[in-house]
Amino acid sequence: QIRADAYNGTVDRTFVVSAYDGTNVVAYAFNGRVGNFQIDAAVGAEAKCNFTVHPRGNQYGWSNS
């Protein structure tokens, strides 16, 4: 899905990154577009790819869950 979004270049999606500190989970959610999708062709990379998520405007915020 991320590769298809990167090739399209205009798909906005909501991404969520969460962190756990041993007690609490903190989530950061933002809307963004994927770009700069590159597949690492090295033999030892085992299907590794690199991509960039570009946040869109002021469409972001913290939430706790």
PDB file of N, CA and C in Angstrom:
ATOM      1  N   GLN A   1       0.816  -1.179   0.000  1.00  0.00           N
ATOM      2  CA  GLN A   1       0.000   0.000   0.000  1.00  0.00           C
ATOM      3  C   GLN A   1       0.871   1.258   0.000  1.00  0.00           C
ATOM      4  N   ILE A   2       1.921   1.247   0.798  1.00  0.00           N
ATOM      5  CA  ILE A   2       2.795   2.421   0.875  1.00  0.00           C
ATOM      6  C   ILE A   2       3.479   2.674  -0.465  1.00  0.00           C
ATOM      7  N   ARG A   3       3.917   1.608  -1.133  1.00  0.00           N
ATOM      8  CA  ARG A   3       4.552   1.779  -2.442  1.00  0.00           C
ATOM      9  C   ARG A   3       3.574   2.379  -3.449  1.00  0.00           C
ATOM     10  N   ALA A   4       2.347   1.865  -3.474  1.00  0.00           N
ATOM     11  CA  ALA A   4       1.338   2.395  -4.391  1.00  0.00           C
ATOM     12  C   ALA A   4       1.048   3.865  -4.085  1.00  0.00           C
ATOM     13  N   ASP A   5       0.970   4.213  -2.801  1.00  0.00           N
ATOM     14  CA  ASP A   5       0.745   5.614  -2.415  1.00  0.00           C
ATOM     15  C   ASP A   5       1.897   6.497  -2.880  1.00  0.00           C
ATOM     16  N   ALA A   6       3.127   6.005  -2.742  1.00  0.00           N
ATOM     17  CA  ALA A   6       4.293   6.796  -3.155  1.00  0.00           C
ATOM     18  C   ALA A   6       4.285   7.031  -4.654  1.00  0.00           C
ATOM     19  N   TYR A   7       3.931   6.018  -5.427  1.00  0.00           N
ATOM     20  CA  TYR A   7       3.880   6.173  -6.876  1.00  0.00           C
ATOM     21  C   TYR A   7       2.784   7.141  -7.286  1.00  0.00           C
ATOM     22  N   ASN A   8       1.663   7.125  -6.556  1.00  0.00           N
ATOM     23  CA  ASN A   8       0.554   8.024  -6.850  1.00  0.00           C
ATOM     24  C   ASN A   8       0.919   9.456  -6.481  1.00  0.00           C
ATOM     25  N   GLY A   9       1.444   9.653  -5.269  1.00  0.00           N
ATOM     26  CA  GLY A   9       1.907  10.964  -4.825  1.00  0.00           C
ATOM     27  C   GLY A   9       0.854  11.908  -4.288  1.00  0.00           C
ATOM     28  N   THR A  10      -0.418  11.523  -4.326  1.00  0.00           N
ATOM     29  CA  THR A  10      -1.469  12.439  -3.854  1.00  0.00           C
ATOM     30  C   THR A  10      -2.407  11.808  -2.837  1.00  0.00           C
ATOM     31  N   VAL A  11      -2.053  10.640  -2.302  1.00  0.00           N
ATOM     32  CA  VAL A  11      -2.931   9.952  -1.353  1.00  0.00           C
ATOM     33  C   VAL A  11      -2.588  10.388   0.074  1.00  0.00           C
ATOM     34  N   ASP A  12      -3.563  10.962   0.771  1.00  0.00           N
ATOM     35  CA  ASP A  12      -3.383  11.317   2.186  1.00  0.00           C
ATOM     36  C   ASP A  12      -3.874  10.166   3.046  1.00  0.00           C
ATOM     37  N   ARG A  13      -3.060   9.772   4.023  1.00  0.00           N
ATOM     38  CA  ARG A  13      -3.452   8.724   4.964  1.00  0.00           C
ATOM     39  C   ARG A  13      -3.121   9.183   6.369  1.00  0.00           C
ATOM     40  N   THR A  14      -3.766   8.573   7.350  1.00  0.00           N
ATOM     41  CA  THR A  14      -3.458   8.849   8.749  1.00  0.00           C
ATOM     42  C   THR A  14      -2.441   7.819   9.224  1.00  0.00           C
ATOM     43  N   PHE A  15      -1.335   8.309   9.764  1.00  0.00           N
ATOM     44  CA  PHE A  15      -0.276   7.455  10.306  1.00  0.00           C
ATOM     45  C   PHE A  15      -0.261   7.620  11.823  1.00  0.00           C
ATOM     46  N   VAL A  16      -0.020   6.523  12.527  1.00  0.00           N
ATOM     47  CA  VAL A  16       0.046   6.561  13.982  1.00  0.00           C
ATOM     48  C   VAL A  16       1.352   5.911  14.420  1.00  0.00           C
ATOM     49  N   VAL A  17       2.100   6.625  15.250  1.00  0.00           N
ATOM     50  CA  VAL A  17       3.325   6.108  15.835  1.00  0.00           C
ATOM     51  C   VAL A  17       3.088   6.037  17.327  1.00  0.00           C
ATOM     52  N   SER A  18       3.359   4.876  17.937  1.00  0.00           N
ATOM     53  CA  SER A  18       3.142   4.764  19.381  1.00  0.00           C
ATOM     54  C   SER A  18       4.436   4.387  20.079  1.00  0.00           C
ATOM     55  N   ALA A  19       4.552   4.839  21.320  1.00  0.00           N
ATOM     56  CA  ALA A  19       5.718   4.531  22.147  1.00  0.00           C
ATOM     57  C   ALA A  19       5.234   4.057  23.508  1.00  0.00           C
ATOM     58  N   TYR A  20       5.915   3.067  24.060  1.00  0.00           N
ATOM     59  CA  TYR A  20       5.568   2.517  25.366  1.00  0.00           C
ATOM     60  C   TYR A  20       6.757   2.705  26.291  1.00  0.00           C
ATOM     61  N   ASP A  21       6.547   3.349  27.438  1.00  0.00           N
ATOM     62  CA  ASP A  21       7.641   3.620  28.369  1.00  0.00           C
ATOM     63  C   ASP A  21       7.677   2.662  29.542  1.00  0.00           C
ATOM     64  N   GLY A  22       6.937   1.571  29.467  1.00  0.00           N
ATOM     65  CA  GLY A  22       6.877   0.604  30.558  1.00  0.00           C
ATOM     66  C   GLY A  22       5.627   0.765  31.387  1.00  0.00           C
ATOM     67  N   THR A  23       5.000   1.940  31.301  1.00  0.00           N
ATOM     68  CA  THR A  23       3.775   2.220  32.043  1.00  0.00           C
ATOM     69  C   THR A  23       2.681   2.747  31.125  1.00  0.00           C
ATOM     70  N   ASN A  24       3.025   3.689  30.295  1.00  0.00           N
ATOM     71  CA  ASN A  24       2.038   4.363  29.449  1.00  0.00           C
ATOM     72  C   ASN A  24       2.352   4.178  27.970  1.00  0.00           C
ATOM     73  N   VAL A  25       1.303   4.226  27.174  1.00  0.00           N
ATOM     74  CA  VAL A  25       1.440   4.256  25.720  1.00  0.00           C
ATOM     75  C   VAL A  25       1.064   5.661  25.256  1.00  0.00           C
ATOM     76  N   VAL A  26       1.938   6.270  24.497  1.00  0.00           N
ATOM     77  CA  VAL A  26       1.648   7.579  23.929  1.00  0.00           C
ATOM     78  C   VAL A  26       1.624   7.418  22.413  1.00  0.00           C
ATOM     79  N   ALA A  27       0.576   7.914  21.783  1.00  0.00           N
ATOM     80  CA  ALA A  27       0.438   7.800  20.332  1.00  0.00           C
ATOM     81  C   ALA A  27       0.453   9.180  19.703  1.00  0.00           C
ATOM     82  N   TYR A  28       1.122   9.279  18.570  1.00  0.00           N
ATOM     83  CA  TYR A  28       1.172  10.499  17.780  1.00  0.00           C
ATOM     84  C   TYR A  28       0.546  10.177  16.438  1.00  0.00           C
ATOM     85  N   ALA A  29      -0.513  10.870  16.098  1.00  0.00           N
ATOM     86  CA  ALA A  29      -1.208  10.623  14.835  1.00  0.00           C
ATOM     87  C   ALA A  29      -1.106  11.854  13.951  1.00  0.00           C
ATOM     88  N   PHE A  30      -0.902  11.615  12.664  1.00  0.00           N
ATOM     89  CA  PHE A  30      -0.831  12.728  11.718  1.00  0.00           C
ATOM     90  C   PHE A  30      -1.250  12.249  10.336  1.00  0.00           C
ATOM     91  N   ASN A  31      -1.683  13.177   9.519  1.00  0.00           N
ATOM     92  CA  ASN A  31      -2.006  12.885   8.129  1.00  0.00           C
ATOM     93  C   ASN A  31      -0.783  13.194   7.282  1.00  0.00           C
ATOM     94  N   GLY A  32      -0.511  12.322   6.316  1.00  0.00           N
ATOM     95  CA  GLY A  32       0.658  12.540   5.483  1.00  0.00           C
ATOM     96  C   GLY A  32       0.568  11.834   4.149  1.00  0.00           C
ATOM     97  N   ARG A  33       1.540  12.143   3.315  1.00  0.00           N
ATOM     98  CA  ARG A  33       1.690  11.504   2.008  1.00  0.00           C
ATOM     99  C   ARG A  33       3.055  10.832   1.947  1.00  0.00           C
ATOM    100  N   VAL A  34       3.108   9.671   1.325  1.00  0.00           N
ATOM    101  CA  VAL A  34       4.356   8.933   1.192  1.00  0.00           C
ATOM    102  C   VAL A  34       5.075   9.364  -0.077  1.00  0.00           C
ATOM    103  N   GLY A  35       6.388   9.496   0.015  1.00  0.00           N
ATOM    104  CA  GLY A  35       7.208   9.833  -1.143  1.00  0.00           C
ATOM    105  C   GLY A  35       8.581   9.217  -1.010  1.00  0.00           C
ATOM    106  N   ASN A  36       9.394   9.364  -2.025  1.00  0.00           N
ATOM    107  CA  ASN A  36      10.790   8.899  -2.016  1.00  0.00           C
ATOM    108  C   ASN A  36      10.913   7.410  -1.708  1.00  0.00           C
ATOM    109  N   PHE A  37      10.063   6.580  -2.279  1.00  0.00           N
ATOM    110  CA  PHE A  37      10.095   5.142  -2.033  1.00  0.00           C
ATOM    111  C   PHE A  37      11.249   4.512  -2.809  1.00  0.00           C
ATOM    112  N   GLN A  38      12.161   3.846  -2.079  1.00  0.00           N
ATOM    113  CA  GLN A  38      13.302   3.191  -2.710  1.00  0.00           C
ATOM    114  C   GLN A  38      13.471   1.800  -2.123  1.00  0.00           C
ATOM    115  N   ILE A  39      13.669   0.818  -2.995  1.00  0.00           N
ATOM    116  CA  ILE A  39      13.914  -0.555  -2.554  1.00  0.00           C
ATOM    117  C   ILE A  39      15.415  -0.781  -2.507  1.00  0.00           C
ATOM    118  N   ASP A  40      15.890  -1.334  -1.387  1.00  0.00           N
ATOM    119  CA  ASP A  40      17.313  -1.649  -1.232  1.00  0.00           C
ATOM    120  C   ASP A  40      17.573  -2.986  -1.925  1.00  0.00           C
ATOM    121  N   ALA A  41      18.330  -2.967  -3.002  1.00  0.00           N
ATOM    122  CA  ALA A  41      18.559  -4.171  -3.813  1.00  0.00           C
ATOM    123  C   ALA A  41      19.723  -5.029  -3.314  1.00  0.00           C
ATOM    124  N   ALA A  42      20.362  -4.649  -2.217  1.00  0.00           N
ATOM    125  CA  ALA A  42      21.474  -5.444  -1.695  1.00  0.00           C
ATOM    126  C   ALA A  42      20.993  -6.837  -1.298  1.00  0.00           C
ATOM    127  N   VAL A  43      21.842  -7.837  -1.521  1.00  0.00           N
ATOM    128  CA  VAL A  43      21.469  -9.226  -1.251  1.00  0.00           C
ATOM    129  C   VAL A  43      21.058  -9.418   0.208  1.00  0.00           C
ATOM    130  N   GLY A  44      21.757  -8.824   1.143  1.00  0.00           N
ATOM    131  CA  GLY A  44      21.454  -8.995   2.569  1.00  0.00           C
ATOM    132  C   GLY A  44      20.325  -8.124   3.082  1.00  0.00           C
ATOM    133  N   ALA A  45      19.754  -7.288   2.244  1.00  0.00           N
ATOM    134  CA  ALA A  45      18.719  -6.353   2.700  1.00  0.00           C
ATOM    135  C   ALA A  45      17.378  -7.024   2.935  1.00  0.00           C
ATOM    136  N   GLU A  46      17.123  -8.151   2.291  1.00  0.00           N
ATOM    137  CA  GLU A  46      15.883  -8.910   2.473  1.00  0.00           C
ATOM    138  C   GLU A  46      14.642  -8.042   2.384  1.00  0.00           C
ATOM    139  N   ALA A  47      14.405  -7.480   1.223  1.00  0.00           N
ATOM    140  CA  ALA A  47      13.192  -6.702   0.927  1.00  0.00           C
ATOM    141  C   ALA A  47      13.084  -5.421   1.756  1.00  0.00           C
ATOM    142  N   LYS A  48      14.209  -4.839   2.124  1.00  0.00           N
ATOM    143  CA  LYS A  48      14.189  -3.577   2.861  1.00  0.00           C
ATOM    144  C   LYS A  48      13.878  -2.430   1.910  1.00  0.00           C
ATOM    145  N   CYS A  49      13.063  -1.505   2.370  1.00  0.00           N
ATOM    146  CA  CYS A  49      12.781  -0.316   1.575  1.00  0.00           C
ATOM    147  C   CYS A  49      12.845   0.909   2.477  1.00  0.00           C
ATOM    148  N   ASN A  50      13.098   2.034   1.848  1.00  0.00           N
ATOM    149  CA  ASN A  50      13.122   3.322   2.541  1.00  0.00           C
ATOM    150  C   ASN A  50      12.084   4.217   1.903  1.00  0.00           C
ATOM    151  N   PHE A  51      11.372   4.964   2.748  1.00  0.00           N
ATOM    152  CA  PHE A  51      10.394   5.912   2.233  1.00  0.00           C
ATOM    153  C   PHE A  51      10.261   7.056   3.221  1.00  0.00           C
ATOM    154  N   THR A  52       9.688   8.133   2.761  1.00  0.00           N
ATOM    155  CA  THR A  52       9.481   9.312   3.588  1.00  0.00           C
ATOM    156  C   THR A  52       7.994   9.598   3.683  1.00  0.00           C
ATOM    157  N   VAL A  53       7.536   9.916   4.890  1.00  0.00           N
ATOM    158  CA  VAL A  53       6.154  10.346   5.074  1.00  0.00           C
ATOM    159  C   VAL A  53       6.189  11.853   5.310  1.00  0.00           C
ATOM    160  N   HIS A  54       5.502  12.588   4.450  1.00  0.00           N
ATOM    161  CA  HIS A  54       5.466  14.048   4.529  1.00  0.00           C
ATOM    162  C   HIS A  54       4.172  14.474   5.212  1.00  0.00           C
ATOM    163  N   PRO A  55       4.243  15.028   6.442  1.00  0.00           N
ATOM    164  CA  PRO A  55       3.024  15.502   7.106  1.00  0.00           C
ATOM    165  C   PRO A  55       2.314  16.559   6.281  1.00  0.00           C
ATOM    166  N   ARG A  56       1.013  16.602   6.399  1.00  0.00           N
ATOM    167  CA  ARG A  56       0.189  17.533   5.614  1.00  0.00           C
ATOM    168  C   ARG A  56      -0.309  18.669   6.497  1.00  0.00           C
ATOM    169  N   GLY A  57       0.143  19.874   6.259  1.00  0.00           N
ATOM    170  CA  GLY A  57      -0.356  21.069   6.944  1.00  0.00           C
ATOM    171  C   GLY A  57      -0.302  20.948   8.454  1.00  0.00           C
ATOM    172  N   ASN A  58      -1.341  21.408   9.110  1.00  0.00           N
ATOM    173  CA  ASN A  58      -1.430  21.343  10.575  1.00  0.00           C
ATOM    174  C   ASN A  58      -2.314  20.200  11.021  1.00  0.00           C
ATOM    175  N   GLN A  59      -2.363  19.130  10.247  1.00  0.00           N
ATOM    176  CA  GLN A  59      -3.235  18.003  10.546  1.00  0.00           C
ATOM    177  C   GLN A  59      -2.493  16.952  11.371  1.00  0.00           C
ATOM    178  N   TYR A  60      -2.177  17.280  12.600  1.00  0.00           N
ATOM    179  CA  TYR A  60      -1.466  16.350  13.469  1.00  0.00           C
ATOM    180  C   TYR A  60      -1.872  16.606  14.919  1.00  0.00           C
ATOM    181  N   GLY A  61      -1.522  15.693  15.803  1.00  0.00           N
ATOM    182  CA  GLY A  61      -1.826  15.900  17.220  1.00  0.00           C
ATOM    183  C   GLY A  61      -1.486  14.686  18.059  1.00  0.00           C
ATOM    184  N   TRP A  62      -1.253  14.909  19.346  1.00  0.00           N
ATOM    185  CA  TRP A  62      -0.962  13.835  20.283  1.00  0.00           C
ATOM    186  C   TRP A  62      -2.247  13.285  20.862  1.00  0.00           C
ATOM    187  N   SER A  63      -2.215  12.006  21.186  1.00  0.00           N
ATOM    188  CA  SER A  63      -3.319  11.414  21.931  1.00  0.00           C
ATOM    189  C   SER A  63      -2.754  10.325  22.818  1.00  0.00           C
ATOM    190  N   ASN A  64      -3.350  10.107  23.958  1.00  0.00           N
ATOM    191  CA  ASN A  64      -2.926   9.036  24.870  1.00  0.00           C
ATOM    192  C   ASN A  64      -3.952   7.924  24.846  1.00  0.00           C
ATOM    193  N   SER A  65      -3.480   6.688  24.852  1.00  0.00           N
ATOM    194  CA  SER A  65      -4.405   5.565  24.897  1.00  0.00           C
ATOM    195  C   SER A  65      -3.842   4.448  25.746  1.00  0.00           C
TER     196      SER A  65
END
